[in-house]
Structures are given as structure tokens and as C-alpha cells.
């Protein structure tokens, strides 16, 4: 085997390793990279990238330094990933952006040491930070992380839930975020290390729906690349014709009310030490907390607890949370909740005979303050139910059916 040394180049070999030994990943390939408008696919070390008979766990690609390279997986992003560079100068920096299929709180490690996220104004400014510096963009589901030298970076997806909701003020007071976070912590009866604000920005219901739309995020950041039966690297690189601009928050039109969006993560940090006073958050506990927040928001309790007007709520539960207990019918993902304001009769019942089903069944719907139908009431595993009685008595049973 012959080897070559290329001098005065500004490229590195990026090694990607799926380190999640608990699962066999069969849908990783094609692993796609997007750099400066160019789309490329990673190569596999065993050259069986299109095979369905076995799993592929290690890939590599030659990429330029000091630019942002997005990494996209065909299906779900693996729970544990390991990246490192080869053939680069010790001073060369590489900025990686890993796309996640859902809102996440990935943890970055160097030699088992947890690297806390960095607050930045722009992703490119991370290049001024040291290796391991990272930031998760909630509007694009991209984890930005800096690689430098030959130091491996490991990324682990934590088990947590994410809340995104709008808060409205007439006057914004200094430190309002801290006050709301403390009140929410006390309401949920969890430790201060188990809840954190990961993003805050101007926004409204449209912003919440943009955060929840993982499909649009993937379309915006990850091009579709088919896997050819006879894979060859030559000719795979091509320009990306679709503009991959990030979501932009539109300026709010109302001047009387100031609307903000808060994104909060609830889950244990890897650096937290359990002193016995605050128990760790199990999957069951996280699921119960999600139910508690959903119920509180839709009944108005959350507004009273936080002492602020709460609008639309989004709750994201990862597979690690959903997969606990008897929740086989519940799928992981993002669910949006609005507070019901009125109960309206959509269809009036017809006259009927005693003991027989009404020919025309009544239909009741909940409406929000804008008279829009509230589609989701209660947690997915515990939806709300309506009990109806004849006027003037509560012991007469109305027979009917659910729609």
C-alpha cells in the first residue's frame, strides 16, 4: 500500500464512529455532509455502505477546515457519536454541525470530561473557542461543535424533555427569565441542576410551530441523497442548489404586548452529583413532569404559578422518555398545546327515543381565545374526556359514542 503526504492543504480527514453499542444501526447510510453549498457523502471503512445485511458504524470524509460542515443521517441520529480528525495540523480547527431529527440536548465529552454549551451570537464565532466548544441551535436542530488536533470528541444524547412556550408582557423587567425558571422549578419540585433555559428570543405561536417542525428543519438543512448499488466516491460531490437559509423570526407587529419564547430543558446533567436530597430524573419521572406541565398549561394553573401570561406550549419527549411503561401507542416527537377557552356545541343532537341511540349525535369542541378548535387536550397517554348529563340531573346516563 502506498501513502502520500499532501502539504499546504487546508483539508482534514473526518472520522465518524457510531459508538452506540446498545443498538445495531442499519439505516445510517448515506451519511451526508454539506459544506459551503456542496453536498458530499461519507465513505464506509468496510465498503458495504448500501448493504442491508449488516450494520455500518464507521465512516470517513475529506473536508475543508475553518468552515461549517453539516452532517445528516438518513434516519435518526445515533445516541452516541464519536468524531476525530486525521492528517491535520495541530492548530487547524474544524466546525461540525450535526443535525438531530428532534429537539435534543446532546452532551459533548473529551476524555470523559463534560464540556458545557457555549452561548454565542453566531455559530461561526465558535471557531474562536477551544476544542469541544459546542452550541445547540433550536431553530435548526443543529449541534455545533469544534474539533481540533487529534483529540476525539464524543457526543451523547441525554434523556430529557423540552418545553417551548410563549410568555407575554406589557413591560419586560430585568431578570424575568430567572424568576420564571425558579417558579417553574418550585412548581415541578425538582433540583435547580435538573432544569435549564437553553434559548430565549422574541417570538410568538408561529415561532413555536417552527421549533416543532422537524420535517421543515430537515428539508432546510439536509438534502436527500440516494444510495447507489455500486458506490463510488468519485462524482458524489455536487453543489447544493436549494438555498439552505435558517429560519428567521419575523418581527412582532403588536406594540402593546411584548411576546417572548422560552425553550427549557428538563433532565439530569452528566456533571451533576446526586447528594441524596434530589433524586435523579428517571424516564417515568420525566413523563410525569411532561403530563404535569401540559395539564397546568391547559387548565390555567401554569399562568397562576408563573404569574405571567402563557400562550402556546410545545412539549418534546425523546424516545428514552416515551419508551417507559405502558405508552406503546404514544410516539416520540413534538406536540403543541393551546389553552381551551370555551366549550362549543358543533352539532346539536336530534330528538330520540328512550333507550335508543340518537340518530344525530351531539359533537362538542373546545375553542381557544381566537375561536380556533383545540386539537389536543391532555397528554397523549391520558387525553381529556367529557362527561355529559341531562340538565337538572346528574344520575341520568347519556348513551353515545366517541368520534
Protein backbone atom coordinates (compact mmCIF):
# COMPACT_ATOMS: atom_id res chain seq x y z
CA UNK A 1 0.00 0.00 0.00
CA UNK A 2 1.32 3.42 -0.96
CA UNK A 3 0.78 6.56 1.07
CA UNK A 4 1.03 10.21 0.15
CA UNK A 5 1.63 13.39 2.13
CA UNK A 6 -0.15 16.47 0.83
CA UNK A 7 1.47 19.69 2.03
CA UNK A 8 -0.04 23.17 2.20
CA UNK A 9 -3.56 21.81 2.12
CA UNK A 10 -6.48 23.08 4.15
CA UNK A 11 -8.34 19.81 4.44
CA UNK A 12 -8.68 17.07 7.04
CA UNK A 13 -9.99 13.52 7.22
CA UNK A 14 -13.04 13.43 9.49
CA UNK A 15 -13.70 10.04 11.11
CA UNK A 16 -17.26 9.38 12.28
CA UNK A 17 -17.95 6.43 14.55
CA UNK A 18 -21.32 5.26 15.83
CA UNK A 19 -20.34 4.33 19.39
CA UNK A 20 -23.82 3.23 20.47
CA UNK A 21 -23.13 -0.44 21.21
CA UNK A 22 -26.63 -0.95 22.60
CA UNK A 23 -28.23 -0.87 19.18
CA UNK A 24 -27.47 -2.08 15.68
CA UNK A 25 -27.80 0.81 13.28
CA UNK A 26 -28.84 -0.32 9.79
CA UNK A 27 -30.14 2.97 8.43
CA UNK A 28 -27.14 5.25 8.93
CA UNK A 29 -26.12 5.39 5.31
CA UNK A 30 -25.95 7.53 3.33
CA UNK A 31 -24.30 9.93 5.78
CA UNK A 32 -24.35 13.31 4.06
CA UNK A 33 -22.16 16.37 4.56
CA UNK A 34 -22.94 19.90 3.39
CA UNK A 35 -20.06 22.41 3.25
CA UNK A 36 -20.30 25.85 1.66
CA UNK A 37 -23.15 24.73 -0.58
CA UNK A 38 -21.55 21.45 -1.66
CA UNK A 39 -23.10 18.06 -0.85
CA UNK A 40 -20.94 15.01 -0.28
CA UNK A 41 -21.39 11.51 1.12
CA UNK A 42 -19.17 9.78 3.64
CA UNK A 43 -17.27 6.62 2.73
CA UNK A 44 -17.51 3.46 4.79
CA UNK A 45 -14.38 1.68 6.01
CA UNK A 46 -15.77 -1.74 5.02
CA UNK A 47 -17.25 -0.69 1.62
CA UNK A 48 -20.67 -2.21 2.36
CA UNK A 49 -22.50 1.04 2.74
CA UNK A 50 -25.51 0.05 0.64
CA UNK A 51 -25.85 -3.42 2.06
CA UNK A 52 -28.89 -4.27 4.17
CA UNK A 53 -27.42 -7.49 5.54
CA UNK A 54 -25.16 -5.86 8.08
CA UNK A 55 -24.61 -2.66 10.02
CA UNK A 56 -22.14 0.10 9.24
CA UNK A 57 -20.68 2.04 12.12
CA UNK A 58 -17.56 3.89 10.92
CA UNK A 59 -17.29 6.43 8.11
CA UNK A 60 -14.79 8.99 6.85
CA UNK A 61 -14.70 12.02 4.58
CA UNK A 62 -12.16 14.62 3.43
CA UNK A 63 -13.40 18.09 4.32
CA UNK A 64 -12.06 21.67 4.48
CA UNK A 65 -11.08 23.27 7.79
CA UNK A 66 -12.34 26.54 9.29
CA UNK A 67 -15.72 26.11 7.61
CA UNK A 68 -19.04 24.81 8.90
CA UNK A 69 -19.81 21.28 7.74
CA UNK A 70 -23.29 19.90 8.40
CA UNK A 71 -23.67 16.16 8.99
CA UNK A 72 -27.01 14.48 8.27
CA UNK A 73 -28.10 10.89 8.79
CA UNK A 74 -30.67 9.11 6.67
CA UNK A 75 -32.86 8.22 9.65
CA UNK A 76 -32.50 9.06 13.32
CA UNK A 77 -29.25 10.46 14.66
CA UNK A 78 -27.44 7.80 16.76
CA UNK A 79 -27.49 8.18 20.52
CA UNK A 80 -23.68 8.12 20.82
CA UNK A 81 -21.29 9.51 18.21
CA UNK A 82 -17.52 9.86 18.18
CA UNK A 83 -15.59 12.22 15.88
CA UNK A 84 -11.88 12.81 15.39
CA UNK A 85 -9.57 14.29 12.76
CA UNK A 86 -6.63 12.81 10.87
CA UNK A 87 -3.93 14.40 8.74
CA UNK A 88 -4.35 17.91 10.08
CA UNK A 89 -2.13 20.44 11.72
CA UNK A 90 -2.48 20.69 15.49
CA UNK A 91 -3.67 24.29 15.13
CA UNK A 92 -6.32 23.55 12.48
CA UNK A 93 -9.93 23.90 13.64
CA UNK A 94 -12.97 22.19 12.23
CA UNK A 95 -16.55 23.29 12.96
CA UNK A 96 -19.04 20.45 12.80
CA UNK A 97 -22.84 20.82 12.78
CA UNK A 98 -24.70 17.57 13.49
CA UNK A 99 -28.37 17.52 12.54
CA UNK A 100 -30.77 15.87 15.02
CA UNK A 101 -34.15 14.52 14.00
CA UNK A 102 -35.76 16.03 17.10
CA UNK A 103 -35.11 18.78 19.61
CA UNK A 104 -32.27 17.46 21.74
CA UNK A 105 -29.82 18.31 24.49
CA UNK A 106 -26.67 16.50 23.34
CA UNK A 107 -23.76 16.29 25.77
CA UNK A 108 -20.20 16.72 24.48
CA UNK A 109 -17.27 14.96 26.13
CA UNK A 110 -13.49 14.98 25.80
CA UNK A 111 -11.80 12.11 27.63
CA UNK A 112 -14.97 11.61 29.73
CA UNK A 113 -14.97 15.28 30.74
CA UNK A 114 -18.26 17.07 30.05
CA UNK A 115 -17.98 20.28 28.02
CA UNK A 116 -20.75 22.73 28.88
CA UNK A 117 -22.52 24.50 25.98
CA UNK A 118 -21.26 27.93 24.95
CA UNK A 119 -23.53 30.94 24.48
CA UNK A 120 -22.70 32.52 21.11
CA UNK A 121 -24.17 35.16 18.84
CA UNK A 122 -23.34 33.17 15.71
CA UNK A 123 -22.18 29.62 15.07
CA UNK A 124 -19.03 30.72 13.23
CA UNK A 125 -17.81 32.51 16.36
CA UNK A 126 -17.27 29.09 17.93
CA UNK A 127 -14.08 28.87 15.86
CA UNK A 128 -12.61 31.35 18.32
CA UNK A 129 -13.22 28.86 21.14
CA UNK A 130 -11.19 25.82 22.16
CA UNK A 131 -11.82 22.22 21.11
CA UNK A 132 -15.09 20.79 22.37
CA UNK A 133 -16.90 24.14 22.46
CA UNK A 134 -20.49 23.48 21.44
CA UNK A 135 -23.86 25.10 20.93
CA UNK A 136 -27.29 23.65 20.03
CA UNK A 137 -29.45 25.71 17.65
CA UNK A 138 -33.12 25.04 18.47
CA UNK A 139 -34.38 26.61 15.23
CA UNK A 140 -32.45 24.14 13.06
CA UNK A 141 -31.79 21.17 15.42
CA UNK A 142 -28.06 21.55 14.75
CA UNK A 143 -25.37 20.81 17.32
CA UNK A 144 -22.27 22.89 16.53
CA UNK A 145 -19.02 21.55 17.99
CA UNK A 146 -15.36 22.49 17.49
CA UNK A 147 -12.75 19.82 16.66
CA UNK A 148 -9.03 20.50 16.78
CA UNK A 149 -5.98 18.29 16.58
CA UNK A 150 -6.41 14.56 17.08
CA UNK A 151 -8.49 14.81 20.26
CA UNK A 152 -11.63 12.64 19.88
CA UNK A 153 -15.00 14.24 20.62
CA UNK A 154 -17.86 12.10 21.91
CA UNK A 155 -21.48 13.24 21.73
CA UNK A 156 -24.15 11.52 23.81
CA UNK A 157 -27.86 12.24 23.60
CA UNK A 158 -29.30 12.74 27.05
CA UNK A 159 -32.73 11.58 28.22
CA UNK A 160 -34.76 14.73 28.78
CA UNK A 161 -37.87 16.66 27.87
CA UNK A 162 -38.00 20.09 26.24
CA UNK A 163 -40.61 22.78 26.77
CA UNK A 164 -41.08 25.77 24.48
CA UNK A 165 -43.74 28.32 25.30
CA UNK A 166 -44.62 31.94 24.72
CA UNK A 167 -44.74 34.44 27.55
CA UNK A 168 -46.32 37.88 27.13
CA UNK A 169 -45.56 41.08 28.98
CA UNK A 170 -46.67 44.68 28.93
CA UNK A 171 -43.29 45.65 30.40
CA UNK A 172 -40.23 43.39 30.40
CA UNK A 173 -38.42 43.51 33.72
CA UNK A 174 -34.76 42.71 34.14
CA UNK A 175 -34.11 39.11 35.18
CA UNK A 176 -37.57 37.86 34.19
CA UNK A 177 -36.09 34.61 32.84
CA UNK A 178 -34.54 33.72 36.20
CA UNK A 179 -37.79 34.44 38.05
CA UNK A 180 -39.85 32.24 35.72
CA UNK A 181 -37.30 29.42 35.86
CA UNK A 182 -37.25 29.46 39.66
CA UNK A 183 -41.05 29.42 39.89
CA UNK A 184 -41.25 26.53 37.43
CA UNK A 185 -38.56 24.64 39.37
CA UNK A 186 -40.51 25.02 42.61
CA UNK A 187 -43.77 24.01 40.93
CA UNK A 188 -42.26 20.81 39.50
CA UNK A 189 -40.34 20.12 42.74
CA UNK A 190 -37.07 19.29 41.03
CA UNK A 191 -33.48 20.40 41.59
CA UNK A 192 -32.01 23.56 40.07
CA UNK A 193 -29.42 21.43 38.25
CA UNK A 194 -32.22 19.45 36.58
CA UNK A 195 -33.79 22.35 34.67
CA UNK A 196 -32.20 25.00 32.49
CA UNK A 197 -33.02 27.64 29.86
CA UNK A 198 -31.36 26.75 26.57
CA UNK A 199 -32.82 29.54 24.46
CA UNK A 200 -34.81 32.75 24.77
CA UNK A 201 -35.82 35.07 21.95
CA UNK A 202 -38.62 37.30 20.66
CA UNK A 203 -41.37 35.20 19.13
CA UNK A 204 -44.95 34.02 19.13
CA UNK A 205 -47.03 30.96 18.23
CA UNK A 206 -45.52 30.91 14.74
CA UNK A 207 -42.08 30.61 16.32
CA UNK A 208 -43.23 27.69 18.48
CA UNK A 209 -44.58 25.88 15.44
CA UNK A 210 -41.31 26.47 13.59
CA UNK A 211 -39.38 24.94 16.51
CA UNK A 212 -41.72 21.94 16.45
CA UNK A 213 -41.50 21.37 12.68
CA UNK A 214 -38.63 18.86 12.47
CA UNK A 215 -39.57 17.96 8.89
CA UNK A 216 -39.03 21.53 7.70
CA UNK A 217 -35.73 21.66 9.57
CA UNK A 218 -34.51 18.53 7.82
CA UNK A 219 -35.61 19.84 4.43
CA UNK A 220 -33.85 23.11 5.11
CA UNK A 221 -30.54 21.60 6.23
CA UNK A 222 -30.28 18.06 4.84
CA UNK A 223 -30.52 17.26 1.12
CA UNK A 224 -31.78 13.86 0.02
CA UNK A 225 -29.04 11.64 -1.44
CA UNK A 226 -29.88 8.21 -2.81
CA UNK A 227 -27.63 5.25 -2.09
CA UNK A 228 -26.34 3.74 -5.35
CA UNK A 229 -25.95 -0.02 -5.57
CA UNK A 230 -22.35 0.33 -6.72
CA UNK A 231 -20.93 3.05 -4.52
CA UNK A 232 -18.08 5.14 -5.82
CA UNK A 233 -16.84 8.26 -4.16
CA UNK A 234 -15.80 9.96 -7.42
CA UNK A 235 -18.54 12.27 -8.63
CA UNK A 236 -20.54 12.29 -5.40
CA UNK A 237 -19.67 15.87 -4.54
CA UNK A 238 -22.13 18.32 -6.10
CA UNK A 239 -23.35 21.85 -5.46
CA UNK A 240 -26.42 22.32 -3.34
CA UNK A 241 -28.91 24.19 -5.48
CA UNK A 242 -31.53 24.77 -2.78
CA UNK A 243 -30.96 27.74 -0.53
CA UNK A 244 -30.35 26.41 2.98
CA UNK A 245 -31.16 29.55 4.94
CA UNK A 246 -32.08 29.21 8.59
CA UNK A 247 -35.48 30.10 9.94
CA UNK A 248 -35.82 33.79 10.64
CA UNK A 249 -38.08 35.12 13.37
CA UNK A 250 -40.44 37.71 11.95
CA UNK A 251 -40.70 40.96 13.90
CA UNK A 252 -43.77 41.21 16.07
CA UNK A 253 -46.42 43.67 14.93
CA UNK A 254 -48.09 44.44 18.25
CA UNK A 255 -46.57 47.19 20.33
CA UNK A 256 -48.88 46.86 23.34
CA UNK A 257 -47.74 43.35 24.22
CA UNK A 258 -44.19 42.01 24.16
CA UNK A 259 -44.04 38.30 23.31
CA UNK A 260 -41.04 36.10 24.10
CA UNK A 261 -40.31 32.42 23.51
CA UNK A 262 -38.55 30.35 26.15
CA UNK A 263 -37.05 26.92 25.47
CA UNK A 264 -36.36 24.90 28.61
CA UNK A 265 -34.72 21.51 29.04
CA UNK A 266 -35.55 19.22 31.97
CA UNK A 267 -33.13 16.39 32.65
CA UNK A 268 -30.05 15.40 34.63
CA UNK A 269 -26.71 16.84 33.63
CA UNK A 270 -23.79 14.39 33.42
CA UNK A 271 -21.76 16.55 35.82
CA UNK A 272 -24.49 16.63 38.48
CA UNK A 273 -23.72 14.75 41.67
CA UNK A 274 -26.63 13.13 43.47
CA UNK A 275 -26.26 14.02 47.15
CA UNK A 276 -29.39 12.10 48.11
CA UNK A 277 -31.58 15.20 48.55
CA UNK A 278 -32.83 15.39 44.96
CA UNK A 279 -33.39 12.00 43.24
CA UNK A 280 -32.31 11.59 39.60
CA UNK A 281 -34.95 12.03 36.91
CA UNK A 282 -35.97 8.65 35.58
CA UNK A 283 -37.89 8.19 32.33
CA UNK A 284 -41.05 7.65 34.33
CA UNK A 285 -40.50 10.85 36.32
CA UNK A 286 -39.81 12.87 33.16
CA UNK A 287 -43.00 11.58 31.59
CA UNK A 288 -44.97 12.55 34.71
CA UNK A 289 -43.41 16.03 34.62
CA UNK A 290 -44.48 16.42 30.98
CA UNK A 291 -48.04 15.46 31.91
CA UNK A 292 -47.95 17.92 34.82
CA UNK A 293 -46.86 20.83 32.64
CA UNK A 294 -49.40 20.02 29.90
CA UNK A 295 -52.29 19.85 32.35
CA UNK A 296 -51.18 23.01 34.13
CA UNK A 297 -50.95 24.94 30.86
CA UNK A 298 -54.35 23.86 29.56
CA UNK A 299 -56.15 24.46 32.87
CA UNK A 300 -54.56 27.86 33.50
CA UNK A 301 -52.62 26.71 36.57
CA UNK A 302 -49.28 27.39 34.88
CA UNK A 303 -50.18 31.05 34.35
CA UNK A 304 -51.01 31.42 38.03
CA UNK A 305 -47.81 29.67 39.12
CA UNK A 306 -45.52 31.69 36.87
CA UNK A 307 -47.55 34.90 37.29
CA UNK A 308 -47.28 35.69 33.59
CA UNK A 309 -49.48 35.22 30.53
CA UNK A 310 -48.64 31.89 28.85
CA UNK A 311 -49.54 31.23 25.24
CA UNK A 312 -48.74 28.22 23.07
CA UNK A 313 -46.82 25.31 24.60
CA UNK A 314 -44.69 22.72 22.84
CA UNK A 315 -43.53 19.56 24.60
CA UNK A 316 -40.85 17.30 23.16
CA UNK A 317 -40.34 13.85 24.64
CA UNK A 318 -37.44 11.79 23.32
CA UNK A 319 -37.61 8.05 22.72
CA UNK A 320 -35.87 7.45 26.05
CA UNK A 321 -38.80 9.11 27.84
CA UNK A 322 -41.65 7.70 25.72
CA UNK A 323 -40.25 4.19 25.85
CA UNK A 324 -41.05 3.79 29.55
CA UNK A 325 -44.07 1.94 30.85
CA UNK A 326 -47.38 1.36 29.05
CA UNK A 327 -47.03 4.00 26.34
CA UNK A 328 -46.83 1.84 23.22
CA UNK A 329 -49.42 4.00 21.44
CA UNK A 330 -47.51 7.20 22.14
CA UNK A 331 -44.91 8.27 19.59
CA UNK A 332 -41.92 10.49 20.38
CA UNK A 333 -41.86 13.92 18.87
CA UNK A 334 -43.21 17.44 19.28
CA UNK A 335 -46.72 18.16 20.43
CA UNK A 336 -48.28 21.63 20.53
CA UNK A 337 -50.86 22.65 23.11
CA UNK A 338 -53.13 25.66 23.37
CA UNK A 339 -55.35 26.54 26.32
CA UNK A 340 -59.07 25.84 25.78
CA UNK A 341 -61.27 28.87 26.36
CA UNK A 342 -64.84 27.78 25.59
CA UNK A 343 -66.77 24.55 25.02
CA UNK A 344 -68.91 24.82 21.91
CA UNK A 345 -71.66 22.58 20.51
CA UNK A 346 -70.63 21.91 16.91
CA UNK A 347 -73.63 19.63 16.14
CA UNK A 348 -76.89 19.73 18.10
CA UNK A 349 -78.43 16.32 18.88
CA UNK A 350 -81.70 15.25 17.32
CA UNK A 351 -84.83 14.11 19.10
CA UNK A 352 -84.78 10.46 20.07
CA UNK A 353 -86.46 7.62 21.89
CA UNK A 354 -85.70 6.41 25.39
CA UNK A 355 -83.09 3.64 25.41
CA UNK A 356 -82.11 4.16 21.77
CA UNK A 357 -79.12 5.90 20.27
CA UNK A 358 -79.79 9.39 18.96
CA UNK A 359 -79.90 9.47 15.15
CA UNK A 360 -77.84 12.65 15.17
CA UNK A 361 -75.14 12.60 17.82
CA UNK A 362 -74.02 15.82 19.51
CA UNK A 363 -70.50 16.98 18.79
CA UNK A 364 -68.66 19.17 21.29
CA UNK A 365 -65.42 21.01 20.59
CA UNK A 366 -63.10 23.18 22.65
CA UNK A 367 -62.13 26.56 21.20
CA UNK A 368 -59.23 28.82 22.12
CA UNK A 369 -59.42 32.59 22.58
CA UNK A 370 -59.25 33.09 18.80
CA UNK A 371 -62.19 30.67 18.33
CA UNK A 372 -59.91 28.06 16.77
CA UNK A 373 -60.51 24.42 17.52
CA UNK A 374 -58.20 22.96 20.18
CA UNK A 375 -56.99 19.73 18.61
CA UNK A 376 -55.04 18.27 21.54
CA UNK A 377 -56.34 18.10 25.09
CA UNK A 378 -54.24 16.40 27.75
CA UNK A 379 -51.14 14.24 27.41
CA UNK A 380 -51.15 11.65 24.60
CA UNK A 381 -51.46 8.73 27.02
CA UNK A 382 -54.12 10.50 29.13
CA UNK A 383 -56.39 12.56 26.84
CA UNK A 384 -59.26 14.50 28.32
CA UNK A 385 -62.77 13.02 28.37
CA UNK A 386 -66.08 14.91 28.54
CA UNK A 387 -68.89 13.75 30.81
CA UNK A 388 -72.39 14.91 29.80
CA UNK A 389 -75.59 14.81 31.86
CA UNK A 390 -79.20 15.78 31.28
CA UNK A 391 -79.97 19.25 32.53
CA UNK A 392 -81.25 19.22 36.09
CA UNK A 393 -79.96 15.75 37.00
CA UNK A 394 -76.59 14.02 37.29
CA UNK A 395 -77.75 10.43 37.59
CA UNK A 396 -79.24 10.01 34.12
CA UNK A 397 -76.83 8.34 31.73
CA UNK A 398 -76.46 9.62 28.17
CA UNK A 399 -75.51 6.86 25.79
CA UNK A 400 -73.44 7.82 22.79
CA UNK A 401 -70.16 7.21 21.03
CA UNK A 402 -66.79 8.89 20.72
CA UNK A 403 -65.77 10.49 17.44
